[in-house]
Each structure stands twice: as C-alpha cells, then as structure tokens.
Amino acid sequence: MPLNSTTQYALRAVLYVAEHGSAGPIRVDAIAADLRAPRNYLSKTMHALARAGILKSERGPRGGFRLARPAHQISLGEVVAPFEPM
C-alpha cells in the first residue's frame, strides 16, 4: 500500500529531526526549506506528531521541534499511525 503525501512528509521530517536535532530544537522553516516541503503543511504535520508523542514542540525564539525520546525508541509504525487509516 503506497503511503499518502502527509505520511511521507512526516517520515522525512522525523528523520531530519533525528539527524540534525542534537544541538537543540529545529525550526519548521529550516526543515521545510531542506525538505522542499510547504511550510504551513509541514507545520501541521509536525504538530500532529507532537500530539502523538513522537516530537516535542518548544515555543519561543529558540523554539522548534525535537524528538520526544531517543530515535531508537521510535518505530516507523508510530510515525505512520496518525496519518494512515488502519
């Protein structure tokens, strides 16, 4: 079964945060630019991932997104679940 575009963006975004988030939260603008994704669309996707407990959202000038727990504890199924009907 092919994954919908939201799920594909979610997977790419979580991978991006896992690879680049060691120094602190990453802003949606940076992720959207590097992934060539629409910023507002990606922002909604990232907030859904935060509600699912995969990412943590931090507000403020140094805010952004980071993984809610270590990458090795996050499964692909958890990332896909909020966006794909079961």
PDB file of N, CA and C in Angstrom:
ATOM      1  N   MET A   1       0.839  -1.177   0.000  1.00  0.00           N
ATOM      2  CA  MET A   1       0.000   0.000   0.000  1.00  0.00           C
ATOM      3  C   MET A   1       0.889   1.247   0.000  1.00  0.00           C
ATOM      4  N   PRO A   2       0.723   2.136  -0.970  1.00  0.00           N
ATOM      5  CA  PRO A   2       1.514   3.364  -1.002  1.00  0.00           C
ATOM      6  C   PRO A   2       1.120   4.302   0.145  1.00  0.00           C
ATOM      7  N   LEU A   3       2.087   5.045   0.634  1.00  0.00           N
ATOM      8  CA  LEU A   3       1.843   5.996   1.714  1.00  0.00           C
ATOM      9  C   LEU A   3       1.371   7.322   1.134  1.00  0.00           C
ATOM     10  N   ASN A   4       0.439   7.988   1.828  1.00  0.00           N
ATOM     11  CA  ASN A   4      -0.020   9.291   1.353  1.00  0.00           C
ATOM     12  C   ASN A   4       1.080  10.338   1.561  1.00  0.00           C
ATOM     13  N   SER A   5       0.908  11.492   0.964  1.00  0.00           N
ATOM     14  CA  SER A   5       1.969  12.509   0.994  1.00  0.00           C
ATOM     15  C   SER A   5       2.216  13.040   2.401  1.00  0.00           C
ATOM     16  N   THR A   6       1.186  13.141   3.221  1.00  0.00           N
ATOM     17  CA  THR A   6       1.383  13.606   4.591  1.00  0.00           C
ATOM     18  C   THR A   6       2.270  12.639   5.360  1.00  0.00           C
ATOM     19  N   THR A   7       2.029  11.360   5.190  1.00  0.00           N
ATOM     20  CA  THR A   7       2.843  10.346   5.863  1.00  0.00           C
ATOM     21  C   THR A   7       4.284  10.411   5.382  1.00  0.00           C
ATOM     22  N   GLN A   8       4.473  10.610   4.095  1.00  0.00           N
ATOM     23  CA  GLN A   8       5.830  10.713   3.559  1.00  0.00           C
ATOM     24  C   GLN A   8       6.556  11.921   4.146  1.00  0.00           C
ATOM     25  N   TYR A   9       5.871  13.070   4.231  1.00  0.00           N
ATOM     26  CA  TYR A   9       6.474  14.255   4.853  1.00  0.00           C
ATOM     27  C   TYR A   9       6.781  13.995   6.319  1.00  0.00           C
ATOM     28  N   ALA A  10       5.887  13.308   7.020  1.00  0.00           N
ATOM     29  CA  ALA A  10       6.096  13.018   8.440  1.00  0.00           C
ATOM     30  C   ALA A  10       7.345  12.157   8.633  1.00  0.00           C
ATOM     31  N   LEU A  11       7.488  11.125   7.830  1.00  0.00           N
ATOM     32  CA  LEU A  11       8.666  10.260   7.924  1.00  0.00           C
ATOM     33  C   LEU A  11       9.945  11.037   7.644  1.00  0.00           C
ATOM     34  N   ARG A  12       9.912  11.836   6.604  1.00  0.00           N
ATOM     35  CA  ARG A  12      11.094  12.619   6.248  1.00  0.00           C
ATOM     36  C   ARG A  12      11.436  13.632   7.343  1.00  0.00           C
ATOM     37  N   ALA A  13      10.409  14.255   7.922  1.00  0.00           N
ATOM     38  CA  ALA A  13      10.628  15.261   8.962  1.00  0.00           C
ATOM     39  C   ALA A  13      11.199  14.634  10.232  1.00  0.00           C
ATOM     40  N   VAL A  14      10.667  13.491  10.652  1.00  0.00           N
ATOM     41  CA  VAL A  14      11.190  12.826  11.853  1.00  0.00           C
ATOM     42  C   VAL A  14      12.635  12.398  11.623  1.00  0.00           C
ATOM     43  N   LEU A  15      12.929  11.880  10.466  1.00  0.00           N
ATOM     44  CA  LEU A  15      14.304  11.504  10.143  1.00  0.00           C
ATOM     45  C   LEU A  15      15.218  12.731  10.174  1.00  0.00           C
ATOM     46  N   TYR A  16      14.747  13.838   9.627  1.00  0.00           N
ATOM     47  CA  TYR A  16      15.530  15.078   9.617  1.00  0.00           C
ATOM     48  C   TYR A  16      15.824  15.530  11.046  1.00  0.00           C
ATOM     49  N   VAL A  17      14.806  15.529  11.894  1.00  0.00           N
ATOM     50  CA  VAL A  17      14.990  15.953  13.283  1.00  0.00           C
ATOM     51  C   VAL A  17      15.956  15.008  13.991  1.00  0.00           C
ATOM     52  N   ALA A  18      15.849  13.717  13.727  1.00  0.00           N
ATOM     53  CA  ALA A  18      16.757  12.749  14.344  1.00  0.00           C
ATOM     54  C   ALA A  18      18.204  12.999  13.915  1.00  0.00           C
ATOM     55  N   GLU A  19      18.406  13.353  12.664  1.00  0.00           N
ATOM     56  CA  GLU A  19      19.756  13.581  12.155  1.00  0.00           C
ATOM     57  C   GLU A  19      20.343  14.922  12.576  1.00  0.00           C
ATOM     58  N   HIS A  20      19.511  15.965  12.689  1.00  0.00           N
ATOM     59  CA  HIS A  20      20.015  17.320  12.903  1.00  0.00           C
ATOM     60  C   HIS A  20      19.670  17.922  14.262  1.00  0.00           C
ATOM     61  N   GLY A  21      18.939  17.228  15.094  1.00  0.00           N
ATOM     62  CA  GLY A  21      18.429  17.829  16.320  1.00  0.00           C
ATOM     63  C   GLY A  21      19.271  17.675  17.554  1.00  0.00           C
ATOM     64  N   SER A  22      20.495  17.234  17.435  1.00  0.00           N
ATOM     65  CA  SER A  22      21.312  17.021  18.631  1.00  0.00           C
ATOM     66  C   SER A  22      21.698  18.331  19.324  1.00  0.00           C
ATOM     67  N   ALA A  23      21.750  19.417  18.594  1.00  0.00           N
ATOM     68  CA  ALA A  23      22.148  20.700  19.175  1.00  0.00           C
ATOM     69  C   ALA A  23      20.974  21.450  19.793  1.00  0.00           C
ATOM     70  N   GLY A  24      19.771  20.973  19.598  1.00  0.00           N
ATOM     71  CA  GLY A  24      18.606  21.655  20.150  1.00  0.00           C
ATOM     72  C   GLY A  24      17.447  21.588  19.184  1.00  0.00           C
ATOM     73  N   PRO A  25      16.363  22.259  19.530  1.00  0.00           N
ATOM     74  CA  PRO A  25      15.170  22.214  18.676  1.00  0.00           C
ATOM     75  C   PRO A  25      15.442  22.792  17.284  1.00  0.00           C
ATOM     76  N   ILE A  26      14.753  22.232  16.311  1.00  0.00           N
ATOM     77  CA  ILE A  26      14.902  22.686  14.929  1.00  0.00           C
ATOM     78  C   ILE A  26      13.613  23.370  14.499  1.00  0.00           C
ATOM     79  N   ARG A  27      13.745  24.523  13.892  1.00  0.00           N
ATOM     80  CA  ARG A  27      12.588  25.301  13.457  1.00  0.00           C
ATOM     81  C   ARG A  27      11.966  24.691  12.199  1.00  0.00           C
ATOM     82  N   VAL A  28      10.664  24.839  12.089  1.00  0.00           N
ATOM     83  CA  VAL A  28       9.935  24.312  10.935  1.00  0.00           C
ATOM     84  C   VAL A  28      10.446  24.930   9.640  1.00  0.00           C
ATOM     85  N   ASP A  29      10.801  26.200   9.679  1.00  0.00           N
ATOM     86  CA  ASP A  29      11.299  26.869   8.473  1.00  0.00           C
ATOM     87  C   ASP A  29      12.515  26.156   7.900  1.00  0.00           C
ATOM     88  N   ALA A  30      13.428  25.756   8.767  1.00  0.00           N
ATOM     89  CA  ALA A  30      14.648  25.068   8.316  1.00  0.00           C
ATOM     90  C   ALA A  30      14.317  23.696   7.742  1.00  0.00           C
ATOM     91  N   ILE A  31      13.430  22.988   8.417  1.00  0.00           N
ATOM     92  CA  ILE A  31      13.053  21.652   7.943  1.00  0.00           C
ATOM     93  C   ILE A  31      12.354  21.753   6.594  1.00  0.00           C
ATOM     94  N   ALA A  32      11.407  22.678   6.490  1.00  0.00           N
ATOM     95  CA  ALA A  32      10.647  22.849   5.243  1.00  0.00           C
ATOM     96  C   ALA A  32      11.571  23.217   4.090  1.00  0.00           C
ATOM     97  N   ALA A  33      12.519  24.101   4.337  1.00  0.00           N
ATOM     98  CA  ALA A  33      13.445  24.514   3.278  1.00  0.00           C
ATOM     99  C   ALA A  33      14.309  23.334   2.812  1.00  0.00           C
ATOM    100  N   ASP A  34      14.850  22.587   3.756  1.00  0.00           N
ATOM    101  CA  ASP A  34      15.724  21.469   3.394  1.00  0.00           C
ATOM    102  C   ASP A  34      14.966  20.314   2.738  1.00  0.00           C
ATOM    103  N   LEU A  35      13.724  20.096   3.162  1.00  0.00           N
ATOM    104  CA  LEU A  35      12.927  19.013   2.585  1.00  0.00           C
ATOM    105  C   LEU A  35      12.117  19.461   1.360  1.00  0.00           C
ATOM    106  N   ARG A  36      12.180  20.755   1.064  1.00  0.00           N
ATOM    107  CA  ARG A  36      11.392  21.342  -0.037  1.00  0.00           C
ATOM    108  C   ARG A  36       9.912  20.992   0.127  1.00  0.00           C
ATOM    109  N   ALA A  37       9.422  21.275   1.327  1.00  0.00           N
ATOM    110  CA  ALA A  37       8.030  20.999   1.681  1.00  0.00           C
ATOM    111  C   ALA A  37       7.336  22.321   1.994  1.00  0.00           C
ATOM    112  N   PRO A  38       6.029  22.410   1.736  1.00  0.00           N
ATOM    113  CA  PRO A  38       5.297  23.632   2.103  1.00  0.00           C
ATOM    114  C   PRO A  38       5.338  23.841   3.618  1.00  0.00           C
ATOM    115  N   ARG A  39       5.749  25.012   4.054  1.00  0.00           N
ATOM    116  CA  ARG A  39       5.970  25.286   5.468  1.00  0.00           C
ATOM    117  C   ARG A  39       4.713  25.070   6.311  1.00  0.00           C
ATOM    118  N   ASN A  40       3.579  25.642   5.916  1.00  0.00           N
ATOM    119  CA  ASN A  40       2.362  25.526   6.718  1.00  0.00           C
ATOM    120  C   ASN A  40       1.874  24.080   6.790  1.00  0.00           C
ATOM    121  N   TYR A  41       1.956  23.381   5.695  1.00  0.00           N
ATOM    122  CA  TYR A  41       1.559  21.976   5.633  1.00  0.00           C
ATOM    123  C   TYR A  41       2.438  21.137   6.553  1.00  0.00           C
ATOM    124  N   LEU A  42       3.742  21.378   6.488  1.00  0.00           N
ATOM    125  CA  LEU A  42       4.683  20.652   7.329  1.00  0.00           C
ATOM    126  C   LEU A  42       4.474  20.996   8.802  1.00  0.00           C
ATOM    127  N   SER A  43       4.172  22.244   9.097  1.00  0.00           N
ATOM    128  CA  SER A  43       3.930  22.657  10.470  1.00  0.00           C
ATOM    129  C   SER A  43       2.758  21.881  11.080  1.00  0.00           C
ATOM    130  N   LYS A  44       1.671  21.752  10.346  1.00  0.00           N
ATOM    131  CA  LYS A  44       0.521  20.987  10.836  1.00  0.00           C
ATOM    132  C   LYS A  44       0.888  19.523  11.040  1.00  0.00           C
ATOM    133  N   THR A  45       1.684  18.984  10.138  1.00  0.00           N
ATOM    134  CA  THR A  45       2.132  17.597  10.255  1.00  0.00           C
ATOM    135  C   THR A  45       3.002  17.422  11.490  1.00  0.00           C
ATOM    136  N   MET A  46       3.908  18.352  11.728  1.00  0.00           N
ATOM    137  CA  MET A  46       4.802  18.280  12.886  1.00  0.00           C
ATOM    138  C   MET A  46       4.017  18.383  14.193  1.00  0.00           C
ATOM    139  N   HIS A  47       3.002  19.231  14.226  1.00  0.00           N
ATOM    140  CA  HIS A  47       2.185  19.354  15.436  1.00  0.00           C
ATOM    141  C   HIS A  47       1.388  18.080  15.693  1.00  0.00           C
ATOM    142  N   ALA A  48       0.950  17.409  14.637  1.00  0.00           N
ATOM    143  CA  ALA A  48       0.276  16.121  14.804  1.00  0.00           C
ATOM    144  C   ALA A  48       1.242  15.090  15.385  1.00  0.00           C
ATOM    145  N   LEU A  49       2.481  15.120  14.956  1.00  0.00           N
ATOM    146  CA  LEU A  49       3.495  14.221  15.508  1.00  0.00           C
ATOM    147  C   LEU A  49       3.771  14.542  16.980  1.00  0.00           C
ATOM    148  N   ALA A  50       3.706  15.807  17.339  1.00  0.00           N
ATOM    149  CA  ALA A  50       3.890  16.192  18.739  1.00  0.00           C
ATOM    150  C   ALA A  50       2.715  15.686  19.589  1.00  0.00           C
ATOM    151  N   ARG A  51       1.498  15.811  19.065  1.00  0.00           N
ATOM    152  CA  ARG A  51       0.333  15.293  19.795  1.00  0.00           C
ATOM    153  C   ARG A  51       0.407  13.779  19.957  1.00  0.00           C
ATOM    154  N   ALA A  52       1.048  13.101  19.019  1.00  0.00           N
ATOM    155  CA  ALA A  52       1.193  11.648  19.078  1.00  0.00           C
ATOM    156  C   ALA A  52       2.350  11.217  19.987  1.00  0.00           C
ATOM    157  N   GLY A  53       3.104  12.175  20.517  1.00  0.00           N
ATOM    158  CA  GLY A  53       4.189  11.847  21.433  1.00  0.00           C
ATOM    159  C   GLY A  53       5.500  11.475  20.765  1.00  0.00           C
ATOM    160  N   ILE A  54       5.626  11.778  19.484  1.00  0.00           N
ATOM    161  CA  ILE A  54       6.848  11.451  18.753  1.00  0.00           C
ATOM    162  C   ILE A  54       7.832  12.617  18.804  1.00  0.00           C
ATOM    163  N   LEU A  55       7.310  13.819  18.694  1.00  0.00           N
ATOM    164  CA  LEU A  55       8.123  15.032  18.776  1.00  0.00           C
ATOM    165  C   LEU A  55       7.706  15.854  19.976  1.00  0.00           C
ATOM    166  N   LYS A  56       8.581  16.757  20.390  1.00  0.00           N
ATOM    167  CA  LYS A  56       8.251  17.763  21.390  1.00  0.00           C
ATOM    168  C   LYS A  56       8.354  19.118  20.709  1.00  0.00           C
ATOM    169  N   SER A  57       7.395  19.960  20.985  1.00  0.00           N
ATOM    170  CA  SER A  57       7.361  21.300  20.425  1.00  0.00           C
ATOM    171  C   SER A  57       7.766  22.287  21.508  1.00  0.00           C
ATOM    172  N   GLU A  58       8.653  23.192  21.160  1.00  0.00           N
ATOM    173  CA  GLU A  58       9.094  24.215  22.100  1.00  0.00           C
ATOM    174  C   GLU A  58       8.838  25.583  21.488  1.00  0.00           C
ATOM    175  N   ARG A  59       8.199  26.440  22.252  1.00  0.00           N
ATOM    176  CA  ARG A  59       7.877  27.782  21.773  1.00  0.00           C
ATOM    177  C   ARG A  59       9.005  28.755  22.061  1.00  0.00           C
ATOM    178  N   GLY A  60       8.896  29.913  21.435  1.00  0.00           N
ATOM    179  CA  GLY A  60       9.842  30.985  21.714  1.00  0.00           C
ATOM    180  C   GLY A  60      10.881  31.145  20.633  1.00  0.00           C
ATOM    181  N   PRO A  61      11.748  32.148  20.806  1.00  0.00           N
ATOM    182  CA  PRO A  61      12.759  32.449  19.785  1.00  0.00           C
ATOM    183  C   PRO A  61      13.750  31.309  19.567  1.00  0.00           C
ATOM    184  N   ARG A  62      13.966  30.481  20.550  1.00  0.00           N
ATOM    185  CA  ARG A  62      14.862  29.328  20.398  1.00  0.00           C
ATOM    186  C   ARG A  62      14.069  28.033  20.291  1.00  0.00           C
ATOM    187  N   GLY A  63      12.796  28.158  19.987  1.00  0.00           N
ATOM    188  CA  GLY A  63      11.916  27.002  19.918  1.00  0.00           C
ATOM    189  C   GLY A  63      12.031  26.242  18.623  1.00  0.00           C
ATOM    190  N   GLY A  64      11.234  25.197  18.536  1.00  0.00           N
ATOM    191  CA  GLY A  64      11.222  24.350  17.367  1.00  0.00           C
ATOM    192  C   GLY A  64      10.777  22.956  17.776  1.00  0.00           C
ATOM    193  N   PHE A  65      11.254  21.963  17.062  1.00  0.00           N
ATOM    194  CA  PHE A  65      10.879  20.584  17.342  1.00  0.00           C
ATOM    195  C   PHE A  65      12.116  19.742  17.613  1.00  0.00           C
ATOM    196  N   ARG A  66      11.939  18.785  18.499  1.00  0.00           N
ATOM    197  CA  ARG A  66      12.969  17.790  18.767  1.00  0.00           C
ATOM    198  C   ARG A  66      12.267  16.468  19.051  1.00  0.00           C
ATOM    199  N   LEU A  67      12.999  15.390  19.033  1.00  0.00           N
ATOM    200  CA  LEU A  67      12.411  14.087  19.312  1.00  0.00           C
ATOM    201  C   LEU A  67      11.964  14.027  20.774  1.00  0.00           C
ATOM    202  N   ALA A  68      10.845  13.386  21.015  1.00  0.00           N
ATOM    203  CA  ALA A  68      10.332  13.256  22.372  1.00  0.00           C
ATOM    204  C   ALA A  68      11.109  12.213  23.171  1.00  0.00           C
ATOM    205  N   ARG A  69      11.753  11.300  22.471  1.00  0.00           N
ATOM    206  CA  ARG A  69      12.575  10.271  23.112  1.00  0.00           C
ATOM    207  C   ARG A  69      13.665   9.858  22.120  1.00  0.00           C
ATOM    208  N   PRO A  70      14.638   9.083  22.546  1.00  0.00           N
ATOM    209  CA  PRO A  70      15.719   8.693  21.625  1.00  0.00           C
ATOM    210  C   PRO A  70      15.186   8.015  20.363  1.00  0.00           C
ATOM    211  N   ALA A  71      15.855   8.255  19.260  1.00  0.00           N
ATOM    212  CA  ALA A  71      15.417   7.759  17.952  1.00  0.00           C
ATOM    213  C   ALA A  71      15.239   6.245  17.925  1.00  0.00           C
ATOM    214  N   HIS A  72      16.098   5.509  18.612  1.00  0.00           N
ATOM    215  CA  HIS A  72      15.995   4.046  18.585  1.00  0.00           C
ATOM    216  C   HIS A  72      14.740   3.533  19.293  1.00  0.00           C
ATOM    217  N   GLN A  73      14.047   4.406  20.016  1.00  0.00           N
ATOM    218  CA  GLN A  73      12.813   4.020  20.697  1.00  0.00           C
ATOM    219  C   GLN A  73      11.559   4.401  19.908  1.00  0.00           C
ATOM    220  N   ILE A  74      11.731   4.961  18.731  1.00  0.00           N
ATOM    221  CA  ILE A  74      10.594   5.383  17.899  1.00  0.00           C
ATOM    222  C   ILE A  74      10.506   4.437  16.709  1.00  0.00           C
ATOM    223  N   SER A  75       9.340   3.830  16.538  1.00  0.00           N
ATOM    224  CA  SER A  75       9.160   2.904  15.419  1.00  0.00           C
ATOM    225  C   SER A  75       8.518   3.617  14.229  1.00  0.00           C
ATOM    226  N   LEU A  76       8.718   3.049  13.060  1.00  0.00           N
ATOM    227  CA  LEU A  76       8.075   3.599  11.862  1.00  0.00           C
ATOM    228  C   LEU A  76       6.552   3.564  12.007  1.00  0.00           C
ATOM    229  N   GLY A  77       6.050   2.509  12.616  1.00  0.00           N
ATOM    230  CA  GLY A  77       4.606   2.380  12.813  1.00  0.00           C
ATOM    231  C   GLY A  77       4.026   3.522  13.624  1.00  0.00           C
ATOM    232  N   GLU A  78       4.763   4.001  14.639  1.00  0.00           N
ATOM    233  CA  GLU A  78       4.302   5.129  15.441  1.00  0.00           C
ATOM    234  C   GLU A  78       4.218   6.411  14.614  1.00  0.00           C
ATOM    235  N   VAL A  79       5.175   6.593  13.724  1.00  0.00           N
ATOM    236  CA  VAL A  79       5.199   7.802  12.897  1.00  0.00           C
ATOM    237  C   VAL A  79       4.075   7.760  11.871  1.00  0.00           C
ATOM    238  N   VAL A  80       3.808   6.593  11.326  1.00  0.00           N
ATOM    239  CA  VAL A  80       2.796   6.424  10.271  1.00  0.00           C
ATOM    240  C   VAL A  80       1.380   6.460  10.844  1.00  0.00           C
ATOM    241  N   ALA A  81       1.171   5.933  12.028  1.00  0.00           N
ATOM    242  CA  ALA A  81      -0.170   5.743  12.606  1.00  0.00           C
ATOM    243  C   ALA A  81      -1.067   6.976  12.587  1.00  0.00           C
ATOM    244  N   PRO A  82      -0.594   8.183  12.914  1.00  0.00           N
ATOM    245  CA  PRO A  82      -1.510   9.332  12.910  1.00  0.00           C
ATOM    246  C   PRO A  82      -2.025   9.740  11.525  1.00  0.00           C
ATOM    247  N   PHE A  83      -1.403   9.230  10.471  1.00  0.00           N
ATOM    248  CA  PHE A  83      -1.719   9.720   9.123  1.00  0.00           C
ATOM    249  C   PHE A  83      -2.287   8.665   8.181  1.00  0.00           C
ATOM    250  N   GLU A  84      -2.185   7.399   8.547  1.00  0.00           N
ATOM    251  CA  GLU A  84      -2.668   6.323   7.677  1.00  0.00           C
ATOM    252  C   GLU A  84      -3.814   5.581   8.355  1.00  0.00           C
ATOM    253  N   PRO A  85      -4.919   5.399   7.665  1.00  0.00           N
ATOM    254  CA  PRO A  85      -6.024   4.631   8.259  1.00  0.00           C
ATOM    255  C   PRO A  85      -5.618   3.165   8.416  1.00  0.00           C
ATOM    256  N   MET A  86      -6.030   2.593   9.505  1.00  0.00           N
ATOM    257  CA  MET A  86      -5.690   1.182   9.750  1.00  0.00           C
ATOM    258  C   MET A  86      -6.827   0.274   9.357  1.00  0.00           C
TER     259      MET A  86
END
